[in-house]
Amino acid sequence: MATEGQTFDQWLKNAGVPQHALSPQQLAVLEAAFGFLRRCGCDYYSLRMLSHFLLNCGAGLKVAQVARLVNVSRQTASRQQDRK
């Protein structure tokens, strides 16, 4: 699992997302995303839904960041960008 046994800080660090560079709004969205993964698990559909949300919610996260956070390739995450 992408979050199993990890803290929020470890999750960000393992994905190469510097916490100090995130705005308070981005931090809040990612904290909620981390909680979602902890509750719902890291199955294919949960990760796909989460990556779609993170890419299209207006949080300003980069495709590569989202891909690393949900443990998919950048290409896979990119295909979900701007899909409705």
PDB file of N, CA and C in Angstrom:
ATOM      1  N   MET A   1       0.833  -1.183   0.000  1.00  0.00           N
ATOM      2  CA  MET A   1       0.000   0.000   0.000  1.00  0.00           C
ATOM      3  C   MET A   1       0.873   1.240   0.000  1.00  0.00           C
ATOM      4  N   ALA A   2       0.426   2.263  -0.671  1.00  0.00           N
ATOM      5  CA  ALA A   2       1.205   3.488  -0.785  1.00  0.00           C
ATOM      6  C   ALA A   2       1.347   4.208   0.555  1.00  0.00           C
ATOM      7  N   THR A   3       0.402   4.057   1.456  1.00  0.00           N
ATOM      8  CA  THR A   3       0.449   4.774   2.732  1.00  0.00           C
ATOM      9  C   THR A   3       0.615   3.863   3.936  1.00  0.00           C
ATOM     10  N   GLU A   4       0.620   2.566   3.735  1.00  0.00           N
ATOM     11  CA  GLU A   4       0.653   1.627   4.855  1.00  0.00           C
ATOM     12  C   GLU A   4       1.892   1.853   5.716  1.00  0.00           C
ATOM     13  N   GLY A   5       1.652   2.115   6.988  1.00  0.00           N
ATOM     14  CA  GLY A   5       2.735   2.297   7.935  1.00  0.00           C
ATOM     15  C   GLY A   5       3.464   3.624   7.807  1.00  0.00           C
ATOM     16  N   GLN A   6       2.956   4.540   6.999  1.00  0.00           N
ATOM     17  CA  GLN A   6       3.612   5.828   6.800  1.00  0.00           C
ATOM     18  C   GLN A   6       2.843   6.936   7.500  1.00  0.00           C
ATOM     19  N   THR A   7       3.579   7.956   7.878  1.00  0.00           N
ATOM     20  CA  THR A   7       2.945   9.178   8.344  1.00  0.00           C
ATOM     21  C   THR A   7       2.742  10.083   7.132  1.00  0.00           C
ATOM     22  N   PHE A   8       1.999  11.126   7.319  1.00  0.00           N
ATOM     23  CA  PHE A   8       1.773  12.094   6.244  1.00  0.00           C
ATOM     24  C   PHE A   8       3.098  12.675   5.757  1.00  0.00           C
ATOM     25  N   ASP A   9       3.963  13.040   6.696  1.00  0.00           N
ATOM     26  CA  ASP A   9       5.268  13.610   6.336  1.00  0.00           C
ATOM     27  C   ASP A   9       6.101  12.623   5.519  1.00  0.00           C
ATOM     28  N   GLN A  10       6.094  11.353   5.905  1.00  0.00           N
ATOM     29  CA  GLN A  10       6.834  10.335   5.164  1.00  0.00           C
ATOM     30  C   GLN A  10       6.266  10.142   3.762  1.00  0.00           C
ATOM     31  N   TRP A  11       4.954  10.178   3.644  1.00  0.00           N
ATOM     32  CA  TRP A  11       4.291  10.023   2.348  1.00  0.00           C
ATOM     33  C   TRP A  11       4.747  11.117   1.386  1.00  0.00           C
ATOM     34  N   LEU A  12       4.757  12.361   1.876  1.00  0.00           N
ATOM     35  CA  LEU A  12       5.211  13.470   1.040  1.00  0.00           C
ATOM     36  C   LEU A  12       6.686  13.326   0.693  1.00  0.00           C
ATOM     37  N   LYS A  13       7.490  12.987   1.689  1.00  0.00           N
ATOM     38  CA  LYS A  13       8.932  12.853   1.464  1.00  0.00           C
ATOM     39  C   LYS A  13       9.235  11.740   0.460  1.00  0.00           C
ATOM     40  N   ASN A  14       8.577  10.601   0.591  1.00  0.00           N
ATOM     41  CA  ASN A  14       8.802   9.486  -0.330  1.00  0.00           C
ATOM     42  C   ASN A  14       8.385   9.824  -1.751  1.00  0.00           C
ATOM     43  N   ALA A  15       7.420  10.732  -1.900  1.00  0.00           N
ATOM     44  CA  ALA A  15       6.963  11.148  -3.224  1.00  0.00           C
ATOM     45  C   ALA A  15       7.782  12.320  -3.761  1.00  0.00           C
ATOM     46  N   GLY A  16       8.700  12.828  -2.963  1.00  0.00           N
ATOM     47  CA  GLY A  16       9.528  13.941  -3.405  1.00  0.00           C
ATOM     48  C   GLY A  16       8.775  15.258  -3.477  1.00  0.00           C
ATOM     49  N   VAL A  17       7.780  15.403  -2.616  1.00  0.00           N
ATOM     50  CA  VAL A  17       6.993  16.637  -2.573  1.00  0.00           C
ATOM     51  C   VAL A  17       7.415  17.403  -1.321  1.00  0.00           C
ATOM     52  N   PRO A  18       8.143  18.520  -1.499  1.00  0.00           N
ATOM     53  CA  PRO A  18       8.623  19.263  -0.320  1.00  0.00           C
ATOM     54  C   PRO A  18       7.480  19.985   0.390  1.00  0.00           C
ATOM     55  N   GLN A  19       7.268  19.612   1.623  1.00  0.00           N
ATOM     56  CA  GLN A  19       6.147  20.157   2.387  1.00  0.00           C
ATOM     57  C   GLN A  19       6.271  21.668   2.547  1.00  0.00           C
ATOM     58  N   HIS A  20       7.476  22.161   2.704  1.00  0.00           N
ATOM     59  CA  HIS A  20       7.668  23.599   2.913  1.00  0.00           C
ATOM     60  C   HIS A  20       7.290  24.423   1.672  1.00  0.00           C
ATOM     61  N   ALA A  21       7.247  23.795   0.509  1.00  0.00           N
ATOM     62  CA  ALA A  21       6.911  24.502  -0.726  1.00  0.00           C
ATOM     63  C   ALA A  21       5.410  24.510  -1.018  1.00  0.00           C
ATOM     64  N   LEU A  22       4.627  23.842  -0.199  1.00  0.00           N
ATOM     65  CA  LEU A  22       3.183  23.755  -0.424  1.00  0.00           C
ATOM     66  C   LEU A  22       2.455  24.910   0.258  1.00  0.00           C
ATOM     67  N   SER A  23       1.421  25.394  -0.394  1.00  0.00           N
ATOM     68  CA  SER A  23       0.584  26.435   0.220  1.00  0.00           C
ATOM     69  C   SER A  23      -0.298  25.763   1.282  1.00  0.00           C
ATOM     70  N   PRO A  24      -0.871  26.554   2.173  1.00  0.00           N
ATOM     71  CA  PRO A  24      -1.779  25.970   3.167  1.00  0.00           C
ATOM     72  C   PRO A  24      -2.944  25.210   2.523  1.00  0.00           C
ATOM     73  N   GLN A  25      -3.441  25.719   1.395  1.00  0.00           N
ATOM     74  CA  GLN A  25      -4.538  25.052   0.705  1.00  0.00           C
ATOM     75  C   GLN A  25      -4.088  23.707   0.120  1.00  0.00           C
ATOM     76  N   GLN A  26      -2.913  23.685  -0.484  1.00  0.00           N
ATOM     77  CA  GLN A  26      -2.385  22.425  -1.030  1.00  0.00           C
ATOM     78  C   GLN A  26      -2.154  21.424   0.086  1.00  0.00           C
ATOM     79  N   LEU A  27      -1.625  21.891   1.183  1.00  0.00           N
ATOM     80  CA  LEU A  27      -1.380  21.021   2.333  1.00  0.00           C
ATOM     81  C   LEU A  27      -2.682  20.414   2.840  1.00  0.00           C
ATOM     82  N   ALA A  28      -3.729  21.218   2.911  1.00  0.00           N
ATOM     83  CA  ALA A  28      -5.024  20.721   3.377  1.00  0.00           C
ATOM     84  C   ALA A  28      -5.581  19.671   2.423  1.00  0.00           C
ATOM     85  N   VAL A  29      -5.459  19.910   1.123  1.00  0.00           N
ATOM     86  CA  VAL A  29      -5.950  18.945   0.129  1.00  0.00           C
ATOM     87  C   VAL A  29      -5.169  17.642   0.243  1.00  0.00           C
ATOM     88  N   LEU A  30      -3.859  17.733   0.393  1.00  0.00           N
ATOM     89  CA  LEU A  30      -3.040  16.520   0.481  1.00  0.00           C
ATOM     90  C   LEU A  30      -3.257  15.773   1.792  1.00  0.00           C
ATOM     91  N   GLU A  31      -3.506  16.497   2.867  1.00  0.00           N
ATOM     92  CA  GLU A  31      -3.832  15.821   4.131  1.00  0.00           C
ATOM     93  C   GLU A  31      -5.132  15.037   3.986  1.00  0.00           C
ATOM     94  N   ALA A  32      -6.112  15.628   3.308  1.00  0.00           N
ATOM     95  CA  ALA A  32      -7.375  14.930   3.070  1.00  0.00           C
ATOM     96  C   ALA A  32      -7.155  13.729   2.149  1.00  0.00           C
ATOM     97  N   ALA A  33      -6.298  13.879   1.141  1.00  0.00           N
ATOM     98  CA  ALA A  33      -5.989  12.770   0.226  1.00  0.00           C
ATOM     99  C   ALA A  33      -5.323  11.629   0.979  1.00  0.00           C
ATOM    100  N   PHE A  34      -4.414  11.961   1.871  1.00  0.00           N
ATOM    101  CA  PHE A  34      -3.740  10.945   2.671  1.00  0.00           C
ATOM    102  C   PHE A  34      -4.748  10.209   3.553  1.00  0.00           C
ATOM    103  N   GLY A  35      -5.643  10.955   4.164  1.00  0.00           N
ATOM    104  CA  GLY A  35      -6.691  10.336   4.978  1.00  0.00           C
ATOM    105  C   GLY A  35      -7.586   9.434   4.151  1.00  0.00           C
ATOM    106  N   PHE A  36      -7.909   9.860   2.938  1.00  0.00           N
ATOM    107  CA  PHE A  36      -8.717   9.038   2.036  1.00  0.00           C
ATOM    108  C   PHE A  36      -8.029   7.711   1.762  1.00  0.00           C
ATOM    109  N   LEU A  37      -6.739   7.748   1.442  1.00  0.00           N
ATOM    110  CA  LEU A  37      -6.008   6.510   1.163  1.00  0.00           C
ATOM    111  C   LEU A  37      -5.920   5.615   2.391  1.00  0.00           C
ATOM    112  N   ARG A  38      -5.771   6.215   3.554  1.00  0.00           N
ATOM    113  CA  ARG A  38      -5.709   5.420   4.784  1.00  0.00           C
ATOM    114  C   ARG A  38      -7.037   4.705   5.047  1.00  0.00           C
ATOM    115  N   ARG A  39      -8.148   5.390   4.778  1.00  0.00           N
ATOM    116  CA  ARG A  39      -9.465   4.813   5.027  1.00  0.00           C
ATOM    117  C   ARG A  39      -9.905   3.860   3.930  1.00  0.00           C
ATOM    118  N   CYS A  40      -9.681   4.245   2.689  1.00  0.00           N
ATOM    119  CA  CYS A  40     -10.224   3.475   1.559  1.00  0.00           C
ATOM    120  C   CYS A  40      -9.246   2.476   0.972  1.00  0.00           C
ATOM    121  N   GLY A  41      -7.986   2.623   1.257  1.00  0.00           N
ATOM    122  CA  GLY A  41      -6.995   1.714   0.706  1.00  0.00           C
ATOM    123  C   GLY A  41      -6.414   2.230  -0.597  1.00  0.00           C
ATOM    124  N   CYS A  42      -5.510   1.476  -1.119  1.00  0.00           N
ATOM    125  CA  CYS A  42      -4.773   1.890  -2.305  1.00  0.00           C
ATOM    126  C   CYS A  42      -5.053   0.974  -3.486  1.00  0.00           C
ATOM    127  N   ASP A  43      -6.301   0.568  -3.627  1.00  0.00           N
ATOM    128  CA  ASP A  43      -6.669  -0.246  -4.784  1.00  0.00           C
ATOM    129  C   ASP A  43      -6.675   0.638  -6.032  1.00  0.00           C
ATOM    130  N   TYR A  44      -6.730   0.001  -7.181  1.00  0.00           N
ATOM    131  CA  TYR A  44      -6.650   0.698  -8.468  1.00  0.00           C
ATOM    132  C   TYR A  44      -7.676   1.823  -8.575  1.00  0.00           C
ATOM    133  N   TYR A  45      -8.915   1.558  -8.235  1.00  0.00           N
ATOM    134  CA  TYR A  45      -9.974   2.541  -8.420  1.00  0.00           C
ATOM    135  C   TYR A  45      -9.837   3.724  -7.464  1.00  0.00           C
ATOM    136  N   SER A  46      -9.438   3.455  -6.232  1.00  0.00           N
ATOM    137  CA  SER A  46      -9.227   4.551  -5.279  1.00  0.00           C
ATOM    138  C   SER A  46      -8.097   5.456  -5.740  1.00  0.00           C
ATOM    139  N   LEU A  47      -7.011   4.850  -6.212  1.00  0.00           N
ATOM    140  CA  LEU A  47      -5.874   5.649  -6.685  1.00  0.00           C
ATOM    141  C   LEU A  47      -6.233   6.437  -7.937  1.00  0.00           C
ATOM    142  N   ARG A  48      -6.977   5.822  -8.830  1.00  0.00           N
ATOM    143  CA  ARG A  48      -7.382   6.511 -10.056  1.00  0.00           C
ATOM    144  C   ARG A  48      -8.295   7.694  -9.742  1.00  0.00           C
ATOM    145  N   MET A  49      -9.262   7.482  -8.855  1.00  0.00           N
ATOM    146  CA  MET A  49     -10.171   8.552  -8.478  1.00  0.00           C
ATOM    147  C   MET A  49      -9.413   9.686  -7.789  1.00  0.00           C
ATOM    148  N   LEU A  50      -8.507   9.323  -6.893  1.00  0.00           N
ATOM    149  CA  LEU A  50      -7.742  10.335  -6.179  1.00  0.00           C
ATOM    150  C   LEU A  50      -6.841  11.117  -7.127  1.00  0.00           C
ATOM    151  N   SER A  51      -6.169  10.434  -8.030  1.00  0.00           N
ATOM    152  CA  SER A  51      -5.294  11.159  -8.953  1.00  0.00           C
ATOM    153  C   SER A  51      -6.108  12.086  -9.845  1.00  0.00           C
ATOM    154  N   HIS A  52      -7.264  11.629 -10.305  1.00  0.00           N
ATOM    155  CA  HIS A  52      -8.131  12.490 -11.115  1.00  0.00           C
ATOM    156  C   HIS A  52      -8.534  13.727 -10.315  1.00  0.00           C
ATOM    157  N   PHE A  53      -8.926  13.539  -9.080  1.00  0.00           N
ATOM    158  CA  PHE A  53      -9.310  14.670  -8.237  1.00  0.00           C
ATOM    159  C   PHE A  53      -8.148  15.641  -8.040  1.00  0.00           C
ATOM    160  N   LEU A  54      -6.986  15.121  -7.663  1.00  0.00           N
ATOM    161  CA  LEU A  54      -5.837  15.987  -7.393  1.00  0.00           C
ATOM    162  C   LEU A  54      -5.408  16.785  -8.626  1.00  0.00           C
ATOM    163  N   LEU A  55      -5.561  16.176  -9.794  1.00  0.00           N
ATOM    164  CA  LEU A  55      -5.165  16.862 -11.024  1.00  0.00           C
ATOM    165  C   LEU A  55      -6.187  17.902 -11.478  1.00  0.00           C
ATOM    166  N   ASN A  56      -7.422  17.767 -11.071  1.00  0.00           N
ATOM    167  CA  ASN A  56      -8.478  18.623 -11.596  1.00  0.00           C
ATOM    168  C   ASN A  56      -9.183  19.496 -10.566  1.00  0.00           C
ATOM    169  N   CYS A  57      -8.719  19.478  -9.319  1.00  0.00           N
ATOM    170  CA  CYS A  57      -9.408  20.244  -8.274  1.00  0.00           C
ATOM    171  C   CYS A  57      -8.936  21.689  -8.178  1.00  0.00           C
ATOM    172  N   GLY A  58      -7.944  22.056  -8.962  1.00  0.00           N
ATOM    173  CA  GLY A  58      -7.458  23.430  -8.936  1.00  0.00           C
ATOM    174  C   GLY A  58      -6.457  23.705  -7.833  1.00  0.00           C
ATOM    175  N   ALA A  59      -5.855  22.661  -7.286  1.00  0.00           N
ATOM    176  CA  ALA A  59      -4.880  22.840  -6.209  1.00  0.00           C
ATOM    177  C   ALA A  59      -3.512  23.269  -6.721  1.00  0.00           C
ATOM    178  N   GLY A  60      -3.295  23.183  -8.024  1.00  0.00           N
ATOM    179  CA  GLY A  60      -2.019  23.616  -8.581  1.00  0.00           C
ATOM    180  C   GLY A  60      -0.888  22.621  -8.415  1.00  0.00           C
ATOM    181  N   LEU A  61      -1.223  21.371  -8.183  1.00  0.00           N
ATOM    182  CA  LEU A  61      -0.187  20.342  -8.069  1.00  0.00           C
ATOM    183  C   LEU A  61       0.271  19.929  -9.461  1.00  0.00           C
ATOM    184  N   LYS A  62       1.531  19.608  -9.586  1.00  0.00           N
ATOM    185  CA  LYS A  62       2.076  19.190 -10.877  1.00  0.00           C
ATOM    186  C   LYS A  62       1.753  17.722 -11.122  1.00  0.00           C
ATOM    187  N   VAL A  63       1.658  17.371 -12.400  1.00  0.00           N
ATOM    188  CA  VAL A  63       1.336  15.996 -12.786  1.00  0.00           C
ATOM    189  C   VAL A  63       2.349  15.025 -12.181  1.00  0.00           C
ATOM    190  N   ALA A  64       3.621  15.355 -12.247  1.00  0.00           N
ATOM    191  CA  ALA A  64       4.654  14.458 -11.713  1.00  0.00           C
ATOM    192  C   ALA A  64       4.500  14.265 -10.206  1.00  0.00           C
ATOM    193  N   GLN A  65       4.118  15.313  -9.486  1.00  0.00           N
ATOM    194  CA  GLN A  65       3.904  15.196  -8.043  1.00  0.00           C
ATOM    195  C   GLN A  65       2.750  14.248  -7.745  1.00  0.00           C
ATOM    196  N   VAL A  66       1.659  14.441  -8.449  1.00  0.00           N
ATOM    197  CA  VAL A  66       0.487  13.588  -8.239  1.00  0.00           C
ATOM    198  C   VAL A  66       0.822  12.142  -8.579  1.00  0.00           C
ATOM    199  N   ALA A  67       1.538  11.937  -9.669  1.00  0.00           N
ATOM    200  CA  ALA A  67       1.920  10.581 -10.072  1.00  0.00           C
ATOM    201  C   ALA A  67       2.732   9.895  -8.978  1.00  0.00           C
ATOM    202  N   ARG A  68       3.673  10.618  -8.398  1.00  0.00           N
ATOM    203  CA  ARG A  68       4.494  10.020  -7.331  1.00  0.00           C
ATOM    204  C   ARG A  68       3.668   9.772  -6.068  1.00  0.00           C
ATOM    205  N   LEU A  69       2.749  10.667  -5.755  1.00  0.00           N
ATOM    206  CA  LEU A  69       1.920  10.506  -4.556  1.00  0.00           C
ATOM    207  C   LEU A  69       1.021   9.285  -4.642  1.00  0.00           C
ATOM    208  N   VAL A  70       0.474   9.018  -5.815  1.00  0.00           N
ATOM    209  CA  VAL A  70      -0.445   7.878  -5.948  1.00  0.00           C
ATOM    210  C   VAL A  70       0.230   6.665  -6.565  1.00  0.00           C
ATOM    211  N   ASN A  71       1.530   6.782  -6.788  1.00  0.00           N
ATOM    212  CA  ASN A  71       2.348   5.654  -7.244  1.00  0.00           C
ATOM    213  C   ASN A  71       1.915   5.118  -8.616  1.00  0.00           C
ATOM    214  N   VAL A  72       1.754   6.053  -9.565  1.00  0.00           N
ATOM    215  CA  VAL A  72       1.503   5.682 -10.954  1.00  0.00           C
ATOM    216  C   VAL A  72       2.533   6.400 -11.818  1.00  0.00           C
ATOM    217  N   SER A  73       2.626   6.008 -13.064  1.00  0.00           N
ATOM    218  CA  SER A  73       3.570   6.686 -13.951  1.00  0.00           C
ATOM    219  C   SER A  73       3.059   8.088 -14.271  1.00  0.00           C
ATOM    220  N   ARG A  74       3.985   8.951 -14.662  1.00  0.00           N
ATOM    221  CA  ARG A  74       3.607  10.307 -15.039  1.00  0.00           C
ATOM    222  C   ARG A  74       2.668  10.265 -16.242  1.00  0.00           C
ATOM    223  N   GLN A  75       2.925   9.372 -17.155  1.00  0.00           N
ATOM    224  CA  GLN A  75       2.104   9.248 -18.358  1.00  0.00           C
ATOM    225  C   GLN A  75       0.661   8.868 -17.996  1.00  0.00           C
ATOM    226  N   THR A  76       0.509   7.939 -17.081  1.00  0.00           N
ATOM    227  CA  THR A  76      -0.827   7.540 -16.640  1.00  0.00           C
ATOM    228  C   THR A  76      -1.552   8.706 -15.992  1.00  0.00           C
ATOM    229  N   ALA A  77      -0.860   9.433 -15.127  1.00  0.00           N
ATOM    230  CA  ALA A  77      -1.475  10.588 -14.468  1.00  0.00           C
ATOM    231  C   ALA A  77      -1.811  11.676 -15.483  1.00  0.00           C
ATOM    232  N   SER A  78      -0.945  11.873 -16.440  1.00  0.00           N
ATOM    233  CA  SER A  78      -1.169  12.903 -17.448  1.00  0.00           C
ATOM    234  C   SER A  78      -2.428  12.638 -18.263  1.00  0.00           C
ATOM    235  N   ARG A  79      -2.701  11.381 -18.528  1.00  0.00           N
ATOM    236  CA  ARG A  79      -3.907  11.038 -19.294  1.00  0.00           C
ATOM    237  C   ARG A  79      -5.183  11.406 -18.548  1.00  0.00           C
ATOM    238  N   GLN A  80      -5.102  11.496 -17.224  1.00  0.00           N
ATOM    239  CA  GLN A  80      -6.290  11.821 -16.419  1.00  0.00           C
ATOM    240  C   GLN A  80      -6.506  13.313 -16.283  1.00  0.00           C
ATOM    241  N   GLN A  81      -5.526  14.086 -16.648  1.00  0.00           N
ATOM    242  CA  GLN A  81      -5.642  15.530 -16.502  1.00  0.00           C
ATOM    243  C   GLN A  81      -6.685  16.086 -17.456  1.00  0.00           C
ATOM    244  N   ASP A  82      -7.546  16.915 -16.933  1.00  0.00           N
ATOM    245  CA  ASP A  82      -8.598  17.600 -17.680  1.00  0.00           C
ATOM    246  C   ASP A  82      -9.639  16.662 -18.284  1.00  0.00           C
ATOM    247  N   ARG A  83      -9.697  15.420 -17.817  1.00  0.00           N
ATOM    248  CA  ARG A  83     -10.783  14.530 -18.236  1.00  0.00           C
ATOM    249  C   ARG A  83     -11.965  14.772 -17.330  1.00  0.00           C
ATOM    250  N   LYS A  84     -13.109  14.845 -17.906  1.00  0.00           N
ATOM    251  CA  LYS A  84     -14.321  15.082 -17.100  1.00  0.00           C
ATOM    252  C   LYS A  84     -15.185  13.851 -17.088  1.00  0.00           C
TER     253      LYS A  84
END
